[in-house]
Amino acid sequence: MKCPNCKSSDGVREILYGLPDGPPDEEKFVIGGCCITDEDPTRKCIRCGWKGRYIKRNLGLGSEIEVVELKDISTMSDPEIDSYAQQIWQKLDKPKQGE
């Protein structure tokens, strides 16, 4: 799986939550902490720090990555927030391959 941010083909790892009973295989996993929620990312790129969620689609539609980490908008002006929101929607609104 390639990182959607930096395009690294070998940097994406599955995030393990909780307390592992031994050291994880660092070629496959990174530690995510002990607090777990339904909104936690499931993948992390060790090259650029991107975090996202791997979603397995049913009905033969394949799988995709949903990006969950966003910029902090608390210091942005309203026009900056509007511009940033438009950039995000453009990324999310791109047609999937095969559509």
N, C-alpha and C. Protein backbone atom coordinates (compact mmCIF):
# COMPACT_ATOMS: atom_id res chain seq x y z
N MET A 1 0.84 -1.16 0.00
CA MET A 1 0.00 0.00 0.00
C MET A 1 0.89 1.24 0.00
N LYS A 2 0.60 2.20 -0.88
CA LYS A 2 1.36 3.44 -0.95
C LYS A 2 0.75 4.49 -0.03
N CYS A 3 1.60 5.34 0.52
CA CYS A 3 1.14 6.45 1.34
C CYS A 3 0.46 7.47 0.41
N PRO A 4 -0.77 7.90 0.75
CA PRO A 4 -1.44 8.89 -0.09
C PRO A 4 -0.83 10.28 -0.01
N ASN A 5 0.01 10.51 1.00
CA ASN A 5 0.62 11.83 1.18
C ASN A 5 1.98 11.93 0.48
N CYS A 6 2.92 11.03 0.82
CA CYS A 6 4.28 11.13 0.27
C CYS A 6 4.55 10.10 -0.82
N LYS A 7 3.61 9.22 -1.07
CA LYS A 7 3.71 8.18 -2.12
C LYS A 7 4.76 7.11 -1.82
N SER A 8 5.22 7.05 -0.56
CA SER A 8 6.18 6.02 -0.17
C SER A 8 5.54 4.64 -0.34
N SER A 9 6.26 3.73 -0.95
CA SER A 9 5.72 2.39 -1.15
C SER A 9 6.10 1.44 -0.01
N ASP A 10 6.98 1.89 0.89
CA ASP A 10 7.40 1.00 1.97
C ASP A 10 7.26 1.62 3.37
N GLY A 11 6.56 2.76 3.48
CA GLY A 11 6.49 3.44 4.77
C GLY A 11 5.21 3.22 5.56
N VAL A 12 4.15 2.70 4.93
CA VAL A 12 2.86 2.57 5.62
C VAL A 12 2.85 1.32 6.50
N ARG A 13 2.47 1.53 7.76
CA ARG A 13 2.41 0.44 8.73
C ARG A 13 1.02 0.41 9.37
N GLU A 14 0.59 -0.77 9.80
CA GLU A 14 -0.64 -0.89 10.57
C GLU A 14 -0.38 -0.41 11.99
N ILE A 15 -1.33 0.35 12.55
CA ILE A 15 -1.18 0.85 13.91
C ILE A 15 -1.77 -0.16 14.88
N LEU A 16 -0.98 -0.57 15.87
CA LEU A 16 -1.45 -1.47 16.92
C LEU A 16 -1.80 -0.64 18.15
N TYR A 17 -2.97 -0.88 18.70
CA TYR A 17 -3.41 -0.20 19.91
C TYR A 17 -3.44 -1.19 21.06
N GLY A 18 -3.38 -0.66 22.28
CA GLY A 18 -3.38 -1.51 23.46
C GLY A 18 -1.95 -1.79 23.90
N LEU A 19 -1.80 -2.85 24.68
CA LEU A 19 -0.49 -3.21 25.20
C LEU A 19 -0.06 -4.53 24.56
N PRO A 20 0.87 -4.46 23.59
CA PRO A 20 1.31 -5.71 22.95
C PRO A 20 2.05 -6.60 23.94
N ASP A 21 1.98 -7.91 23.72
CA ASP A 21 2.65 -8.83 24.63
C ASP A 21 4.13 -9.02 24.30
N GLY A 22 4.61 -8.30 23.32
CA GLY A 22 6.02 -8.34 22.94
C GLY A 22 6.28 -7.26 21.91
N PRO A 23 7.52 -7.10 21.52
CA PRO A 23 7.82 -6.08 20.51
C PRO A 23 7.19 -6.44 19.17
N PRO A 24 6.54 -5.45 18.52
CA PRO A 24 5.92 -5.73 17.23
C PRO A 24 6.96 -5.78 16.11
N ASP A 25 6.60 -6.43 15.02
CA ASP A 25 7.43 -6.47 13.82
C ASP A 25 7.41 -5.06 13.22
N GLU A 26 8.51 -4.33 13.31
CA GLU A 26 8.56 -2.93 12.86
C GLU A 26 8.45 -2.79 11.34
N GLU A 27 8.53 -3.88 10.60
CA GLU A 27 8.32 -3.83 9.16
C GLU A 27 6.83 -3.79 8.82
N LYS A 28 5.98 -4.12 9.79
CA LYS A 28 4.54 -4.19 9.56
C LYS A 28 3.72 -3.27 10.46
N PHE A 29 4.21 -2.97 11.68
CA PHE A 29 3.39 -2.30 12.68
C PHE A 29 4.09 -1.11 13.34
N VAL A 30 3.27 -0.18 13.85
CA VAL A 30 3.71 0.88 14.76
C VAL A 30 2.75 0.87 15.95
N ILE A 31 3.21 1.35 17.09
CA ILE A 31 2.40 1.38 18.30
C ILE A 31 1.55 2.66 18.29
N GLY A 32 0.25 2.52 18.61
CA GLY A 32 -0.67 3.65 18.57
C GLY A 32 -1.11 4.14 19.92
N GLY A 33 -0.74 3.48 21.00
CA GLY A 33 -1.15 3.90 22.33
C GLY A 33 -2.19 2.96 22.91
N CYS A 34 -2.60 3.25 24.14
CA CYS A 34 -3.50 2.33 24.83
C CYS A 34 -4.96 2.77 24.78
N CYS A 35 -5.24 4.02 24.48
CA CYS A 35 -6.62 4.51 24.41
C CYS A 35 -7.16 4.26 23.01
N ILE A 36 -8.30 3.61 22.92
CA ILE A 36 -8.85 3.20 21.63
C ILE A 36 -10.26 3.77 21.46
N THR A 37 -10.53 4.36 20.28
CA THR A 37 -11.87 4.83 19.94
C THR A 37 -12.23 4.32 18.55
N ASP A 38 -13.47 4.54 18.14
CA ASP A 38 -13.89 4.12 16.80
C ASP A 38 -13.30 4.99 15.71
N GLU A 39 -12.76 6.14 16.06
CA GLU A 39 -12.25 7.09 15.07
C GLU A 39 -10.74 7.06 14.92
N ASP A 40 -10.08 6.15 15.59
CA ASP A 40 -8.61 6.09 15.52
C ASP A 40 -8.15 5.66 14.13
N PRO A 41 -7.04 6.25 13.66
CA PRO A 41 -6.48 5.80 12.38
C PRO A 41 -5.98 4.37 12.52
N THR A 42 -5.95 3.66 11.41
CA THR A 42 -5.47 2.28 11.42
C THR A 42 -4.15 2.11 10.69
N ARG A 43 -3.71 3.16 9.99
CA ARG A 43 -2.45 3.11 9.25
C ARG A 43 -1.65 4.38 9.51
N LYS A 44 -0.33 4.26 9.48
CA LYS A 44 0.56 5.41 9.64
C LYS A 44 1.76 5.23 8.72
N CYS A 45 2.19 6.34 8.11
CA CYS A 45 3.40 6.31 7.28
C CYS A 45 4.58 6.72 8.15
N ILE A 46 5.58 5.87 8.23
CA ILE A 46 6.76 6.19 9.04
C ILE A 46 7.69 7.15 8.32
N ARG A 47 7.46 7.40 7.05
CA ARG A 47 8.29 8.34 6.28
C ARG A 47 7.85 9.79 6.50
N CYS A 48 6.53 10.07 6.42
CA CYS A 48 6.06 11.46 6.50
C CYS A 48 5.15 11.73 7.69
N GLY A 49 4.72 10.70 8.42
CA GLY A 49 3.87 10.89 9.58
C GLY A 49 2.38 10.88 9.29
N TRP A 50 1.98 10.72 8.01
CA TRP A 50 0.56 10.66 7.66
C TRP A 50 -0.14 9.56 8.44
N LYS A 51 -1.37 9.83 8.87
CA LYS A 51 -2.19 8.81 9.51
C LYS A 51 -3.52 8.75 8.78
N GLY A 52 -4.05 7.57 8.62
CA GLY A 52 -5.32 7.40 7.94
C GLY A 52 -5.95 6.09 8.33
N ARG A 53 -7.07 5.82 7.68
CA ARG A 53 -7.82 4.62 7.98
C ARG A 53 -7.95 3.76 6.75
N TYR A 54 -7.67 2.49 6.89
CA TYR A 54 -7.84 1.54 5.80
C TYR A 54 -9.27 1.02 5.86
N ILE A 55 -9.98 1.15 4.75
CA ILE A 55 -11.37 0.72 4.71
C ILE A 55 -11.48 -0.39 3.68
N LYS A 56 -11.93 -1.53 4.10
CA LYS A 56 -12.15 -2.63 3.16
C LYS A 56 -13.59 -2.54 2.68
N ARG A 57 -13.76 -2.34 1.41
CA ARG A 57 -15.08 -2.22 0.82
C ARG A 57 -15.62 -3.60 0.45
N ASN A 58 -16.91 -3.79 0.64
CA ASN A 58 -17.56 -5.03 0.25
C ASN A 58 -18.06 -4.94 -1.18
N LEU A 59 -18.70 -5.97 -1.64
CA LEU A 59 -19.33 -6.02 -2.95
C LEU A 59 -18.32 -5.89 -4.11
N GLY A 60 -17.09 -6.31 -3.89
CA GLY A 60 -16.12 -6.30 -4.97
C GLY A 60 -15.66 -4.92 -5.38
N LEU A 61 -15.86 -3.92 -4.54
CA LEU A 61 -15.48 -2.56 -4.89
C LEU A 61 -14.03 -2.25 -4.55
N GLY A 62 -13.30 -3.20 -4.01
CA GLY A 62 -11.89 -2.96 -3.68
C GLY A 62 -11.76 -2.32 -2.32
N SER A 63 -10.69 -1.61 -2.12
CA SER A 63 -10.44 -0.95 -0.84
C SER A 63 -9.85 0.42 -1.12
N GLU A 64 -9.91 1.27 -0.14
CA GLU A 64 -9.37 2.61 -0.31
C GLU A 64 -8.88 3.14 1.03
N ILE A 65 -8.19 4.25 0.97
CA ILE A 65 -7.70 4.92 2.17
C ILE A 65 -8.56 6.15 2.42
N GLU A 66 -8.98 6.32 3.66
CA GLU A 66 -9.69 7.52 4.06
C GLU A 66 -8.73 8.33 4.92
N VAL A 67 -8.42 9.54 4.51
CA VAL A 67 -7.50 10.38 5.27
C VAL A 67 -8.25 10.97 6.45
N VAL A 68 -7.68 10.84 7.64
CA VAL A 68 -8.37 11.34 8.83
C VAL A 68 -7.62 12.46 9.54
N GLU A 69 -6.37 12.69 9.20
CA GLU A 69 -5.60 13.72 9.87
C GLU A 69 -5.70 15.02 9.09
N LEU A 70 -6.17 16.07 9.75
CA LEU A 70 -6.35 17.37 9.10
C LEU A 70 -5.52 18.43 9.81
N LYS A 71 -5.34 19.57 9.14
CA LYS A 71 -4.62 20.69 9.75
C LYS A 71 -5.45 21.31 10.86
N ASP A 72 -4.78 21.95 11.79
CA ASP A 72 -5.45 22.70 12.85
C ASP A 72 -5.94 24.03 12.26
N ILE A 73 -7.24 24.26 12.30
CA ILE A 73 -7.79 25.48 11.71
C ILE A 73 -8.04 26.57 12.74
N SER A 74 -7.68 26.34 14.00
CA SER A 74 -8.02 27.28 15.07
C SER A 74 -7.34 28.64 14.92
N THR A 75 -6.23 28.70 14.18
CA THR A 75 -5.54 29.99 14.01
C THR A 75 -5.77 30.59 12.62
N MET A 76 -6.61 29.91 11.80
CA MET A 76 -6.87 30.40 10.45
C MET A 76 -8.00 31.43 10.45
N SER A 77 -7.93 32.35 9.50
CA SER A 77 -9.02 33.31 9.31
C SER A 77 -10.15 32.59 8.56
N ASP A 78 -11.34 33.21 8.51
CA ASP A 78 -12.47 32.61 7.79
C ASP A 78 -12.14 32.35 6.32
N PRO A 79 -11.52 33.32 5.61
CA PRO A 79 -11.18 33.04 4.21
C PRO A 79 -10.18 31.88 4.07
N GLU A 80 -9.22 31.77 5.00
CA GLU A 80 -8.26 30.67 4.96
C GLU A 80 -8.95 29.32 5.20
N ILE A 81 -9.91 29.31 6.13
CA ILE A 81 -10.66 28.08 6.41
C ILE A 81 -11.46 27.68 5.17
N ASP A 82 -12.12 28.67 4.53
CA ASP A 82 -12.90 28.38 3.32
C ASP A 82 -12.01 27.79 2.22
N SER A 83 -10.84 28.38 2.03
CA SER A 83 -9.91 27.91 1.01
C SER A 83 -9.43 26.49 1.33
N TYR A 84 -9.09 26.26 2.60
CA TYR A 84 -8.63 24.94 3.04
C TYR A 84 -9.74 23.89 2.85
N ALA A 85 -10.96 24.24 3.19
CA ALA A 85 -12.09 23.32 3.04
C ALA A 85 -12.29 22.96 1.56
N GLN A 86 -12.16 23.94 0.68
CA GLN A 86 -12.29 23.67 -0.75
C GLN A 86 -11.20 22.71 -1.23
N GLN A 87 -9.97 22.89 -0.74
CA GLN A 87 -8.88 21.99 -1.11
C GLN A 87 -9.17 20.56 -0.67
N ILE A 88 -9.69 20.41 0.54
CA ILE A 88 -10.00 19.07 1.07
C ILE A 88 -11.12 18.43 0.26
N TRP A 89 -12.17 19.20 -0.03
CA TRP A 89 -13.28 18.64 -0.81
C TRP A 89 -12.83 18.23 -2.20
N GLN A 90 -11.93 18.98 -2.81
CA GLN A 90 -11.43 18.61 -4.13
C GLN A 90 -10.69 17.27 -4.07
N LYS A 91 -9.92 17.05 -3.00
CA LYS A 91 -9.22 15.78 -2.85
C LYS A 91 -10.21 14.63 -2.65
N LEU A 92 -11.22 14.87 -1.84
CA LEU A 92 -12.19 13.81 -1.54
C LEU A 92 -13.15 13.55 -2.68
N ASP A 93 -13.35 14.53 -3.53
CA ASP A 93 -14.33 14.42 -4.61
C ASP A 93 -13.75 13.85 -5.91
N LYS A 94 -12.47 13.52 -5.91
CA LYS A 94 -11.86 12.94 -7.11
C LYS A 94 -12.51 11.60 -7.41
N PRO A 95 -12.84 11.33 -8.67
CA PRO A 95 -13.43 10.02 -9.00
C PRO A 95 -12.42 8.90 -8.76
N LYS A 96 -12.93 7.78 -8.30
CA LYS A 96 -12.08 6.61 -8.06
C LYS A 96 -11.73 5.98 -9.40
N GLN A 97 -10.62 5.26 -9.45
CA GLN A 97 -10.21 4.57 -10.68
C GLN A 97 -11.30 3.58 -11.07
N GLY A 98 -11.63 3.56 -12.36
CA GLY A 98 -12.63 2.63 -12.84
C GLY A 98 -14.03 3.21 -12.84
N GLU A 99 -14.23 4.42 -12.32
CA GLU A 99 -15.56 5.03 -12.30
C GLU A 99 -15.74 5.88 -13.53
